[in-house]
PDB file of N, CA and C in Angstrom:
ATOM      1  N   MET A   1     168.190   0.075-261.784  1.00  0.00           N
ATOM      2  CA  MET A   1     168.083   1.414-261.131  1.00  0.00           C
ATOM      3  C   MET A   1     169.454   2.130-261.212  1.00  0.00           C
ATOM      4  N   ASP A   2     169.361   3.394-261.577  1.00  0.00           N
ATOM      5  CA  ASP A   2     170.612   4.344-261.676  1.00  0.00           C
ATOM      6  C   ASP A   2     170.893   5.056-260.480  1.00  0.00           C
ATOM      7  N   TYR A   3     171.981   5.085-259.809  1.00  0.00           N
ATOM      8  CA  TYR A   3     172.333   5.944-258.743  1.00  0.00           C
ATOM      9  C   TYR A   3     173.218   7.109-259.183  1.00  0.00           C
ATOM     10  N   VAL A   4     172.947   8.157-258.939  1.00  0.00           N
ATOM     11  CA  VAL A   4     173.935   9.417-259.282  1.00  0.00           C
ATOM     12  C   VAL A   4     174.547   9.969-257.921  1.00  0.00           C
ATOM     13  N   ILE A   5     175.924   9.863-257.963  1.00  0.00           N
ATOM     14  CA  ILE A   5     176.544  10.116-256.876  1.00  0.00           C
ATOM     15  C   ILE A   5     177.564  11.502-257.122  1.00  0.00           C
ATOM     16  N   ASP A   6     177.324  12.494-256.251  1.00  0.00           N
ATOM     17  CA  ASP A   6     178.152  13.655-256.458  1.00  0.00           C
ATOM     18  C   ASP A   6     179.379  13.484-255.526  1.00  0.00           C
ATOM     19  N   ALA A   7     180.633  13.573-256.217  1.00  0.00           N
ATOM     20  CA  ALA A   7     181.864  13.088-255.456  1.00  0.00           C
ATOM     21  C   ALA A   7     182.540  14.421-254.876  1.00  0.00           C
ATOM     22  N   LYS A   8     181.879  15.598-255.008  1.00  0.00           N
ATOM     23  CA  LYS A   8     182.352  17.007-254.570  1.00  0.00           C
ATOM     24  C   LYS A   8     182.531  16.778-252.975  1.00  0.00           C
ATOM     25  N   ASN A   9     183.710  17.017-252.517  1.00  0.00           N
ATOM     26  CA  ASN A   9     184.025  17.059-250.991  1.00  0.00           C
ATOM     27  C   ASN A   9     183.807  15.713-250.314  1.00  0.00           C
ATOM     28  N   LYS A  10     183.860  14.540-251.108  1.00  0.00           N
ATOM     29  CA  LYS A  10     183.826  13.317-250.388  1.00  0.00           C
ATOM     30  C   LYS A  10     185.208  12.705-250.451  1.00  0.00           C
ATOM     31  N   ASN A  11     185.412  11.760-249.349  1.00  0.00           N
ATOM     32  CA  ASN A  11     186.702  11.177-249.237  1.00  0.00           C
ATOM     33  C   ASN A  11     186.757   9.986-250.245  1.00  0.00           C
ATOM     34  N   LEU A  12     187.880   9.494-250.628  1.00  0.00           N
ATOM     35  CA  LEU A  12     188.055   8.608-251.791  1.00  0.00           C
ATOM     36  C   LEU A  12     187.554   7.169-251.153  1.00  0.00           C
ATOM     37  N   GLY A  13     187.885   6.767-249.965  1.00  0.00           N
ATOM     38  CA  GLY A  13     187.606   5.567-249.372  1.00  0.00           C
ATOM     39  C   GLY A  13     186.145   5.356-249.136  1.00  0.00           C
ATOM     40  N   ARG A  14     185.538   6.381-248.586  1.00  0.00           N
ATOM     41  CA  ARG A  14     184.170   6.390-248.302  1.00  0.00           C
ATOM     42  C   ARG A  14     183.407   6.397-249.555  1.00  0.00           C
ATOM     43  N   LEU A  15     183.689   7.017-250.567  1.00  0.00           N
ATOM     44  CA  LEU A  15     183.031   7.053-251.872  1.00  0.00           C
ATOM     45  C   LEU A  15     183.071   5.728-252.355  1.00  0.00           C
ATOM     46  N   ALA A  16     184.354   5.156-252.535  1.00  0.00           N
ATOM     47  CA  ALA A  16     184.431   3.860-253.173  1.00  0.00           C
ATOM     48  C   ALA A  16     183.657   2.778-252.473  1.00  0.00           C
ATOM     49  N   SER A  17     183.654   2.732-251.150  1.00  0.00           N
ATOM     50  CA  SER A  17     182.775   1.726-250.392  1.00  0.00           C
ATOM     51  C   SER A  17     181.409   1.915-250.638  1.00  0.00           C
ATOM     52  N   GLU A  18     180.994   3.088-250.750  1.00  0.00           N
ATOM     53  CA  GLU A  18     179.596   3.329-251.144  1.00  0.00           C
ATOM     54  C   GLU A  18     179.117   2.702-252.443  1.00  0.00           C
ATOM     55  N   ILE A  19     180.049   2.898-253.306  1.00  0.00           N
ATOM     56  CA  ILE A  19     179.834   2.343-254.856  1.00  0.00           C
ATOM     57  C   ILE A  19     179.939   1.014-254.860  1.00  0.00           C
ATOM     58  N   ALA A  20     180.847   0.531-254.053  1.00  0.00           N
ATOM     59  CA  ALA A  20     181.098  -1.065-254.145  1.00  0.00           C
ATOM     60  C   ALA A  20     179.643  -1.826-253.708  1.00  0.00           C
ATOM     61  N   VAL A  21     179.291  -1.202-252.591  1.00  0.00           N
ATOM     62  CA  VAL A  21     177.972  -1.762-251.996  1.00  0.00           C
ATOM     63  C   VAL A  21     176.848  -1.733-253.181  1.00  0.00           C
ATOM     64  N   ILE A  22     176.865  -0.656-253.697  1.00  0.00           N
ATOM     65  CA  ILE A  22     175.642  -0.547-254.804  1.00  0.00           C
ATOM     66  C   ILE A  22     175.800  -1.385-255.948  1.00  0.00           C
ATOM     67  N   LEU A  23     176.920  -1.492-256.444  1.00  0.00           N
ATOM     68  CA  LEU A  23     177.319  -2.301-257.517  1.00  0.00           C
ATOM     69  C   LEU A  23     177.184  -3.910-257.293  1.00  0.00           C
ATOM     70  N   GLN A  24     177.439  -4.250-255.964  1.00  0.00           N
ATOM     71  CA  GLN A  24     177.070  -5.673-255.718  1.00  0.00           C
ATOM     72  C   GLN A  24     175.486  -5.913-255.470  1.00  0.00           C
ATOM     73  N   GLY A  25     174.802  -4.871-255.566  1.00  0.00           N
ATOM     74  CA  GLY A  25     173.336  -5.057-255.507  1.00  0.00           C
ATOM     75  C   GLY A  25     172.664  -5.209-253.956  1.00  0.00           C
ATOM     76  N   LYS A  26     173.566  -4.868-252.928  1.00  0.00           N
ATOM     77  CA  LYS A  26     173.084  -4.953-251.591  1.00  0.00           C
ATOM     78  C   LYS A  26     172.063  -3.804-251.381  1.00  0.00           C
ATOM     79  N   LYS A  27     171.938  -2.971-252.115  1.00  0.00           N
ATOM     80  CA  LYS A  27     170.888  -1.835-251.747  1.00  0.00           C
ATOM     81  C   LYS A  27     169.580  -2.353-252.340  1.00  0.00           C
ATOM     82  N   SER A  28     169.490  -3.523-253.198  1.00  0.00           N
ATOM     83  CA  SER A  28     168.353  -3.738-253.828  1.00  0.00           C
ATOM     84  C   SER A  28     167.641  -4.850-252.995  1.00  0.00           C
ATOM     85  N   PRO A  29     166.286  -4.925-253.013  1.00  0.00           N
ATOM     86  CA  PRO A  29     165.444  -5.779-252.277  1.00  0.00           C
ATOM     87  C   PRO A  29     165.461  -7.120-252.830  1.00  0.00           C
ATOM     88  N   LYS A  30     166.027  -7.312-254.052  1.00  0.00           N
ATOM     89  CA  LYS A  30     166.121  -8.645-254.631  1.00  0.00           C
ATOM     90  C   LYS A  30     167.650  -8.935-254.773  1.00  0.00           C
ATOM     91  N   TYR A  31     168.355  -8.898-253.726  1.00  0.00           N
ATOM     92  CA  TYR A  31     169.820  -8.997-253.675  1.00  0.00           C
ATOM     93  C   TYR A  31     170.003 -10.619-253.725  1.00  0.00           C
ATOM     94  N   GLU A  32     170.954 -10.945-254.426  1.00  0.00           N
ATOM     95  CA  GLU A  32     171.382 -12.392-254.498  1.00  0.00           C
ATOM     96  C   GLU A  32     172.959 -12.456-254.774  1.00  0.00           C
ATOM     97  N   PRO A  33     173.878 -12.841-254.032  1.00  0.00           N
ATOM     98  CA  PRO A  33     175.325 -12.765-254.180  1.00  0.00           C
ATOM     99  C   PRO A  33     175.735 -13.473-255.353  1.00  0.00           C
ATOM    100  N   ARG A  34     175.178 -14.369-256.038  1.00  0.00           N
ATOM    101  CA  ARG A  34     175.566 -15.058-257.189  1.00  0.00           C
ATOM    102  C   ARG A  34     175.198 -14.105-258.416  1.00  0.00           C
ATOM    103  N   LEU A  35     174.431 -13.205-258.398  1.00  0.00           N
ATOM    104  CA  LEU A  35     174.005 -12.450-259.589  1.00  0.00           C
ATOM    105  C   LEU A  35     174.653 -11.081-259.602  1.00  0.00           C
ATOM    106  N   LYS A  36     175.050 -10.625-260.852  1.00  0.00           N
ATOM    107  CA  LYS A  36     175.648  -9.396-261.021  1.00  0.00           C
ATOM    108  C   LYS A  36     174.819  -8.164-260.380  1.00  0.00           C
ATOM    109  N   GLY A  37     173.665  -8.089-260.672  1.00  0.00           N
ATOM    110  CA  GLY A  37     172.932  -6.855-260.061  1.00  0.00           C
ATOM    111  C   GLY A  37     172.787  -5.843-261.255  1.00  0.00           C
ATOM    112  N   SER A  38     171.583  -5.270-261.262  1.00  0.00           N
ATOM    113  CA  SER A  38     171.325  -4.397-262.376  1.00  0.00           C
ATOM    114  C   SER A  38     171.425  -2.943-262.153  1.00  0.00           C
ATOM    115  N   ASP A  39     172.014  -2.546-260.753  1.00  0.00           N
ATOM    116  CA  ASP A  39     172.172  -1.199-260.509  1.00  0.00           C
ATOM    117  C   ASP A  39     173.407  -0.680-261.240  1.00  0.00           C
ATOM    118  N   LYS A  40     173.253   0.530-261.741  1.00  0.00           N
ATOM    119  CA  LYS A  40     174.346   1.378-262.208  1.00  0.00           C
ATOM    120  C   LYS A  40     174.608   2.665-261.451  1.00  0.00           C
ATOM    121  N   VAL A  41     175.880   2.996-261.348  1.00  0.00           N
ATOM    122  CA  VAL A  41     176.377   4.114-260.643  1.00  0.00           C
ATOM    123  C   VAL A  41     176.972   5.129-261.426  1.00  0.00           C
ATOM    124  N   ILE A  42     176.484   6.273-261.532  1.00  0.00           N
ATOM    125  CA  ILE A  42     177.054   7.453-262.164  1.00  0.00           C
ATOM    126  C   ILE A  42     177.733   8.402-261.127  1.00  0.00           C
ATOM    127  N   VAL A  43     179.002   8.774-261.291  1.00  0.00           N
ATOM    128  CA  VAL A  43     179.713   9.454-260.414  1.00  0.00           C
ATOM    129  C   VAL A  43     180.084  10.829-261.016  1.00  0.00           C
ATOM    130  N   ARG A  44     179.517  11.917-260.588  1.00  0.00           N
ATOM    131  CA  ARG A  44     179.900  13.285-261.020  1.00  0.00           C
ATOM    132  C   ARG A  44     180.844  13.980-260.215  1.00  0.00           C
ATOM    133  N   ASN A  45     181.501  15.093-260.766  1.00  0.00           N
ATOM    134  CA  ASN A  45     182.388  16.141-260.088  1.00  0.00           C
ATOM    135  C   ASN A  45     183.528  15.301-259.294  1.00  0.00           C
ATOM    136  N   LEU A  46     184.222  14.386-260.157  1.00  0.00           N
ATOM    137  CA  LEU A  46     185.316  13.601-259.552  1.00  0.00           C
ATOM    138  C   LEU A  46     186.501  14.480-259.441  1.00  0.00           C
ATOM    139  N   SER A  47     186.686  15.505-260.122  1.00  0.00           N
ATOM    140  CA  SER A  47     187.953  16.299-259.960  1.00  0.00           C
ATOM    141  C   SER A  47     187.756  17.035-258.727  1.00  0.00           C
ATOM    142  N   GLN A  48     186.591  17.175-258.005  1.00  0.00           N
ATOM    143  CA  GLN A  48     186.559  17.943-256.814  1.00  0.00           C
ATOM    144  C   GLN A  48     186.517  16.869-255.538  1.00  0.00           C
ATOM    145  N   MET A  49     186.848  15.800-255.922  1.00  0.00           N
ATOM    146  CA  MET A  49     186.963  14.674-254.812  1.00  0.00           C
ATOM    147  C   MET A  49     188.008  15.045-253.820  1.00  0.00           C
ATOM    148  N   LYS A  50     187.914  14.973-252.513  1.00  0.00           N
ATOM    149  CA  LYS A  50     189.071  15.140-251.631  1.00  0.00           C
ATOM    150  C   LYS A  50     189.722  13.867-251.065  1.00  0.00           C
ATOM    151  N   ILE A  51     190.896  13.903-250.620  1.00  0.00           N
ATOM    152  CA  ILE A  51     191.611  12.910-249.930  1.00  0.00           C
ATOM    153  C   ILE A  51     192.137  13.525-248.634  1.00  0.00           C
ATOM    154  N   SER A  52     192.083  12.625-247.539  1.00  0.00           N
ATOM    155  CA  SER A  52     192.285  13.259-246.147  1.00  0.00           C
ATOM    156  C   SER A  52     193.867  13.240-246.000  1.00  0.00           C
ATOM    157  N   GLY A  53     194.206  14.045-244.989  1.00  0.00           N
ATOM    158  CA  GLY A  53     195.649  14.036-244.495  1.00  0.00           C
ATOM    159  C   GLY A  53     196.721  14.404-245.477  1.00  0.00           C
ATOM    160  N   LYS A  54     197.847  13.621-245.390  1.00  0.00           N
ATOM    161  CA  LYS A  54     199.030  13.956-246.375  1.00  0.00           C
ATOM    162  C   LYS A  54     199.079  12.982-247.500  1.00  0.00           C
ATOM    163  N   LYS A  55     197.867  12.293-247.635  1.00  0.00           N
ATOM    164  CA  LYS A  55     198.076  11.240-248.763  1.00  0.00           C
ATOM    165  C   LYS A  55     198.239  11.719-250.122  1.00  0.00           C
ATOM    166  N   TYR A  56     197.811  13.061-250.314  1.00  0.00           N
ATOM    167  CA  TYR A  56     197.879  13.806-251.669  1.00  0.00           C
ATOM    168  C   TYR A  56     199.563  13.756-252.053  1.00  0.00           C
ATOM    169  N   PHE A  57     200.283  13.852-251.107  1.00  0.00           N
ATOM    170  CA  PHE A  57     201.654  13.947-251.278  1.00  0.00           C
ATOM    171  C   PHE A  57     202.365  12.745-251.017  1.00  0.00           C
ATOM    172  N   GLN A  58     201.725  11.754-250.178  1.00  0.00           N
ATOM    173  CA  GLN A  58     202.669  10.436-249.696  1.00  0.00           C
ATOM    174  C   GLN A  58     202.070   9.316-250.296  1.00  0.00           C
ATOM    175  N   LYS A  59     200.897   9.139-250.803  1.00  0.00           N
ATOM    176  CA  LYS A  59     200.283   7.819-251.272  1.00  0.00           C
ATOM    177  C   LYS A  59     200.938   7.464-252.452  1.00  0.00           C
ATOM    178  N   VAL A  60     201.371   6.268-252.476  1.00  0.00           N
ATOM    179  CA  VAL A  60     202.046   5.529-253.635  1.00  0.00           C
ATOM    180  C   VAL A  60     201.289   4.387-254.267  1.00  0.00           C
ATOM    181  N   TYR A  61     201.118   4.270-255.586  1.00  0.00           N
ATOM    182  CA  TYR A  61     200.567   3.168-256.164  1.00  0.00           C
ATOM    183  C   TYR A  61     201.850   2.440-256.722  1.00  0.00           C
ATOM    184  N   TYR A  62     201.831   1.091-256.468  1.00  0.00           N
ATOM    185  CA  TYR A  62     202.795   0.059-256.931  1.00  0.00           C
ATOM    186  C   TYR A  62     202.417  -0.924-258.097  1.00  0.00           C
ATOM    187  N   LYS A  63     203.242  -1.113-258.942  1.00  0.00           N
ATOM    188  CA  LYS A  63     202.981  -2.012-260.184  1.00  0.00           C
ATOM    189  C   LYS A  63     204.176  -2.773-260.255  1.00  0.00           C
ATOM    190  N   HIS A  64     204.211  -4.128-260.322  1.00  0.00           N
ATOM    191  CA  HIS A  64     205.283  -4.986-260.561  1.00  0.00           C
ATOM    192  C   HIS A  64     205.050  -5.559-262.106  1.00  0.00           C
ATOM    193  N   THR A  65     206.242  -5.282-262.823  1.00  0.00           N
ATOM    194  CA  THR A  65     206.196  -5.734-264.269  1.00  0.00           C
ATOM    195  C   THR A  65     206.666  -7.075-264.386  1.00  0.00           C
ATOM    196  N   GLY A  66     207.298  -7.712-263.341  1.00  0.00           N
ATOM    197  CA  GLY A  66     207.655  -9.165-263.517  1.00  0.00           C
ATOM    198  C   GLY A  66     209.022  -9.538-263.254  1.00  0.00           C
ATOM    199  N   PRO A  67     209.951  -8.817-264.095  1.00  0.00           N
ATOM    200  CA  PRO A  67     211.357  -9.106-263.735  1.00  0.00           C
ATOM    201  C   PRO A  67     211.768  -8.621-262.458  1.00  0.00           C
ATOM    202  N   LEU A  68     212.877  -9.145-261.899  1.00  0.00           N
ATOM    203  CA  LEU A  68     213.443  -8.713-260.657  1.00  0.00           C
ATOM    204  C   LEU A  68     213.802  -7.288-260.617  1.00  0.00           C
ATOM    205  N   GLY A  69     213.458  -6.301-259.762  1.00  0.00           N
ATOM    206  CA  GLY A  69     213.818  -5.121-259.626  1.00  0.00           C
ATOM    207  C   GLY A  69     213.136  -4.185-260.386  1.00  0.00           C
ATOM    208  N   HIS A  70     212.024  -4.548-260.861  1.00  0.00           N
ATOM    209  CA  HIS A  70     211.191  -3.710-261.895  1.00  0.00           C
ATOM    210  C   HIS A  70     209.761  -3.307-261.166  1.00  0.00           C
ATOM    211  N   LEU A  71     209.952  -2.754-260.042  1.00  0.00           N
ATOM    212  CA  LEU A  71     208.713  -2.327-259.271  1.00  0.00           C
ATOM    213  C   LEU A  71     208.705  -0.881-259.682  1.00  0.00           C
ATOM    214  N   LYS A  72     207.530  -0.589-260.288  1.00  0.00           N
ATOM    215  CA  LYS A  72     207.200   0.894-260.690  1.00  0.00           C
ATOM    216  C   LYS A  72     206.409   1.398-259.661  1.00  0.00           C
ATOM    217  N   THR A  73     206.597   2.694-259.364  1.00  0.00           N
ATOM    218  CA  THR A  73     205.916   3.438-258.305  1.00  0.00           C
ATOM    219  C   THR A  73     205.273   4.808-259.054  1.00  0.00           C
ATOM    220  N   ARG A  74     204.112   5.161-258.549  1.00  0.00           N
ATOM    221  CA  ARG A  74     203.554   6.398-258.977  1.00  0.00           C
ATOM    222  C   ARG A  74     202.769   7.105-257.804  1.00  0.00           C
ATOM    223  N   LYS A  75     203.035   8.372-257.729  1.00  0.00           N
ATOM    224  CA  LYS A  75     202.617   9.119-256.524  1.00  0.00           C
ATOM    225  C   LYS A  75     201.084   9.382-256.950  1.00  0.00           C
ATOM    226  N   TYR A  76     200.224   9.600-255.972  1.00  0.00           N
ATOM    227  CA  TYR A  76     198.809  10.007-256.024  1.00  0.00           C
ATOM    228  C   TYR A  76     198.644  11.184-256.839  1.00  0.00           C
ATOM    229  N   ARG A  77     199.466  12.333-256.537  1.00  0.00           N
ATOM    230  CA  ARG A  77     199.214  13.524-257.189  1.00  0.00           C
ATOM    231  C   ARG A  77     199.455  13.526-258.758  1.00  0.00           C
ATOM    232  N   GLU A  78     200.592  12.681-259.158  1.00  0.00           N
ATOM    233  CA  GLU A  78     200.752  12.376-260.537  1.00  0.00           C
ATOM    234  C   GLU A  78     199.612  11.750-261.144  1.00  0.00           C
ATOM    235  N   VAL A  79     199.052  10.701-260.562  1.00  0.00           N
ATOM    236  CA  VAL A  79     198.062   9.941-261.159  1.00  0.00           C
ATOM    237  C   VAL A  79     196.680  10.705-261.291  1.00  0.00           C
ATOM    238  N   PHE A  80     196.494  11.490-260.206  1.00  0.00           N
ATOM    239  CA  PHE A  80     195.313  12.345-260.099  1.00  0.00           C
ATOM    240  C   PHE A  80     195.238  13.506-261.121  1.00  0.00           C
ATOM    241  N   SER A  81     196.335  14.009-261.361  1.00  0.00           N
ATOM    242  CA  SER A  81     196.410  15.141-262.407  1.00  0.00           C
ATOM    243  C   SER A  81     196.340  14.797-263.825  1.00  0.00           C
ATOM    244  N   LYS A  82     196.711  13.296-264.076  1.00  0.00           N
ATOM    245  CA  LYS A  82     196.517  12.800-265.481  1.00  0.00           C
ATOM    246  C   LYS A  82     195.201  12.161-265.650  1.00  0.00           C
ATOM    247  N   ASN A  83     194.850  11.335-264.747  1.00  0.00           N
ATOM    248  CA  ASN A  83     193.721  10.232-264.786  1.00  0.00           C
ATOM    249  C   ASN A  83     192.904  10.161-263.489  1.00  0.00           C
ATOM    250  N   PRO A  84     192.189  11.060-262.967  1.00  0.00           N
ATOM    251  CA  PRO A  84     191.477  10.729-261.646  1.00  0.00           C
ATOM    252  C   PRO A  84     190.420   9.799-261.746  1.00  0.00           C
ATOM    253  N   VAL A  85     189.987   9.546-263.049  1.00  0.00           N
ATOM    254  CA  VAL A  85     188.957   8.430-263.190  1.00  0.00           C
ATOM    255  C   VAL A  85     189.680   6.916-262.715  1.00  0.00           C
ATOM    256  N   TRP A  86     190.931   6.746-263.015  1.00  0.00           N
ATOM    257  CA  TRP A  86     191.698   5.573-262.716  1.00  0.00           C
ATOM    258  C   TRP A  86     191.608   5.252-261.295  1.00  0.00           C
ATOM    259  N   ILE A  87     191.956   6.418-260.409  1.00  0.00           N
ATOM    260  CA  ILE A  87     192.108   6.248-259.083  1.00  0.00           C
ATOM    261  C   ILE A  87     190.732   5.627-258.356  1.00  0.00           C
ATOM    262  N   LEU A  88     189.704   6.228-258.897  1.00  0.00           N
ATOM    263  CA  LEU A  88     188.376   5.790-258.155  1.00  0.00           C
ATOM    264  C   LEU A  88     187.970   4.395-258.760  1.00  0.00           C
ATOM    265  N   ARG A  89     188.368   4.144-260.016  1.00  0.00           N
ATOM    266  CA  ARG A  89     187.938   2.816-260.521  1.00  0.00           C
ATOM    267  C   ARG A  89     188.783   1.758-259.767  1.00  0.00           C
ATOM    268  N   HIS A  90     190.084   2.138-259.517  1.00  0.00           N
ATOM    269  CA  HIS A  90     191.011   1.121-258.920  1.00  0.00           C
ATOM    270  C   HIS A  90     190.485   0.940-257.407  1.00  0.00           C
ATOM    271  N   ALA A  91     190.175   1.963-256.672  1.00  0.00           N
ATOM    272  CA  ALA A  91     189.733   1.777-255.509  1.00  0.00           C
ATOM    273  C   ALA A  91     188.455   0.920-255.286  1.00  0.00           C
ATOM    274  N   VAL A  92     187.546   1.263-256.186  1.00  0.00           N
ATOM    275  CA  VAL A  92     186.346   0.352-256.216  1.00  0.00           C
ATOM    276  C   VAL A  92     186.548  -1.009-256.586  1.00  0.00           C
ATOM    277  N   ASN A  93     187.410  -1.159-257.490  1.00  0.00           N
ATOM    278  CA  ASN A  93     187.639  -2.624-257.935  1.00  0.00           C
ATOM    279  C   ASN A  93     188.372  -3.388-256.838  1.00  0.00           C
ATOM    280  N   LEU A  94     189.019  -2.836-256.015  1.00  0.00           N
ATOM    281  CA  LEU A  94     189.771  -3.550-254.927  1.00  0.00           C
ATOM    282  C   LEU A  94     188.798  -3.904-253.828  1.00  0.00           C
ATOM    283  N   MET A  95     187.640  -3.084-253.829  1.00  0.00           N
ATOM    284  CA  MET A  95     186.583  -3.367-252.745  1.00  0.00           C
ATOM    285  C   MET A  95     185.621  -4.237-253.137  1.00  0.00           C
ATOM    286  N   LEU A  96     185.552  -4.647-254.285  1.00  0.00           N
ATOM    287  CA  LEU A  96     184.543  -5.704-254.852  1.00  0.00           C
ATOM    288  C   LEU A  96     185.175  -6.969-254.576  1.00  0.00           C
ATOM    289  N   PRO A  97     184.314  -8.053-254.392  1.00  0.00           N
ATOM    290  CA  PRO A  97     184.788  -9.288-254.194  1.00  0.00           C
ATOM    291  C   PRO A  97     185.651  -9.859-255.406  1.00  0.00           C
ATOM    292  N   LYS A  98     186.610 -10.668-255.067  1.00  0.00           N
ATOM    293  CA  LYS A  98     187.534 -11.247-256.056  1.00  0.00           C
ATOM    294  C   LYS A  98     187.060 -12.372-256.704  1.00  0.00           C
ATOM    295  N   ASN A  99     186.021 -12.297-257.582  1.00  0.00           N
ATOM    296  CA  ASN A  99     185.483 -13.452-258.346  1.00  0.00           C
ATOM    297  C   ASN A  99     185.103 -13.081-259.821  1.00  0.00           C
ATOM    298  N   LYS A 100     184.389 -13.961-260.469  1.00  0.00           N
ATOM    299  CA  LYS A 100     184.177 -13.878-261.797  1.00  0.00           C
ATOM    300  C   LYS A 100     183.099 -12.712-262.159  1.00  0.00           C
ATOM    301  N   LEU A 101     182.494 -12.294-261.204  1.00  0.00           N
ATOM    302  CA  LEU A 101     181.512 -11.138-261.338  1.00  0.00           C
ATOM    303  C   LEU A 101     182.160  -9.831-261.219  1.00  0.00           C
ATOM    304  N   ARG A 102     183.387  -9.670-260.739  1.00  0.00           N
ATOM    305  CA  ARG A 102     184.069  -8.489-260.560  1.00  0.00           C
ATOM    306  C   ARG A 102     184.034  -7.635-261.821  1.00  0.00           C
ATOM    307  N   ALA A 103     184.574  -8.185-262.920  1.00  0.00           N
ATOM    308  CA  ALA A 103     184.659  -7.471-264.110  1.00  0.00           C
ATOM    309  C   ALA A 103     183.241  -7.042-264.652  1.00  0.00           C
ATOM    310  N   LYS A 104     182.219  -7.833-264.559  1.00  0.00           N
ATOM    311  CA  LYS A 104     180.935  -7.617-265.051  1.00  0.00           C
ATOM    312  C   LYS A 104     180.442  -6.444-263.957  1.00  0.00           C
ATOM    313  N   ARG A 105     180.647  -6.393-262.924  1.00  0.00           N
ATOM    314  CA  ARG A 105     180.141  -5.307-261.898  1.00  0.00           C
ATOM    315  C   ARG A 105     180.738  -3.935-262.080  1.00  0.00           C
ATOM    316  N   ILE A 106     182.066  -4.059-262.400  1.00  0.00           N
ATOM    317  CA  ILE A 106     182.807  -2.766-262.724  1.00  0.00           C
ATOM    318  C   ILE A 106     182.377  -1.987-263.845  1.00  0.00           C
ATOM    319  N   LYS A 107     181.632  -2.692-264.888  1.00  0.00           N
ATOM    320  CA  LYS A 107     181.377  -2.053-266.210  1.00  0.00           C
ATOM    321  C   LYS A 107     180.024  -1.379-265.794  1.00  0.00           C
ATOM    322  N   ASN A 108     179.357  -1.602-264.667  1.00  0.00           N
ATOM    323  CA  ASN A 108     178.234  -0.702-264.324  1.00  0.00           C
ATOM    324  C   ASN A 108     178.614   0.658-263.788  1.00  0.00           C
ATOM    325  N   LEU A 109     179.941   0.914-263.524  1.00  0.00           N
ATOM    326  CA  LEU A 109     180.296   2.172-262.978  1.00  0.00           C
ATOM    327  C   LEU A 109     180.734   3.102-264.082  1.00  0.00           C
ATOM    328  N   ILE A 110     179.973   4.200-264.046  1.00  0.00           N
ATOM    329  CA  ILE A 110     180.233   5.343-265.051  1.00  0.00           C
ATOM    330  C   ILE A 110     180.769   6.476-264.467  1.00  0.00           C
ATOM    331  N   ILE A 111     181.925   7.150-264.807  1.00  0.00           N
ATOM    332  CA  ILE A 111     182.614   8.149-264.060  1.00  0.00           C
ATOM    333  C   ILE A 111     182.772   9.226-265.017  1.00  0.00           C
ATOM    334  N   GLU A 112     182.152  10.516-264.523  1.00  0.00           N
ATOM    335  CA  GLU A 112     182.235  11.839-265.188  1.00  0.00           C
ATOM    336  C   GLU A 112     183.354  12.733-264.625  1.00  0.00           C
ATOM    337  N   LYS A 113     184.088  13.329-265.184  1.00  0.00           N
ATOM    338  CA  LYS A 113     185.132  14.159-264.480  1.00  0.00           C
ATOM    339  C   LYS A 113     184.389  15.345-264.007  1.00  0.00           C
TER     340      LYS A 113
END
């Protein structure tokens, strides 16, 4: 089953948790934790998604490249202006269970700007 979600005026975290539940198959009557699930999620109007509080200016994404002292930081507003799809995909990815099905489930997420 395909779910179409309108991201207009929805908070990032609430939207990501709703998508994660659908991708795990928990909305399906034949839910089994060991199976990928056949539900697909299509997200529309991502550029009109909102973020609460001062997070637009203060939220930071961290990435460590390996060597000592090489911690890279990116602000939310920079990432959102370049690639808003990455922000939602990253949030949903962190809300899915950390197992072998995670990569298969995230492929069922289709995001339209």
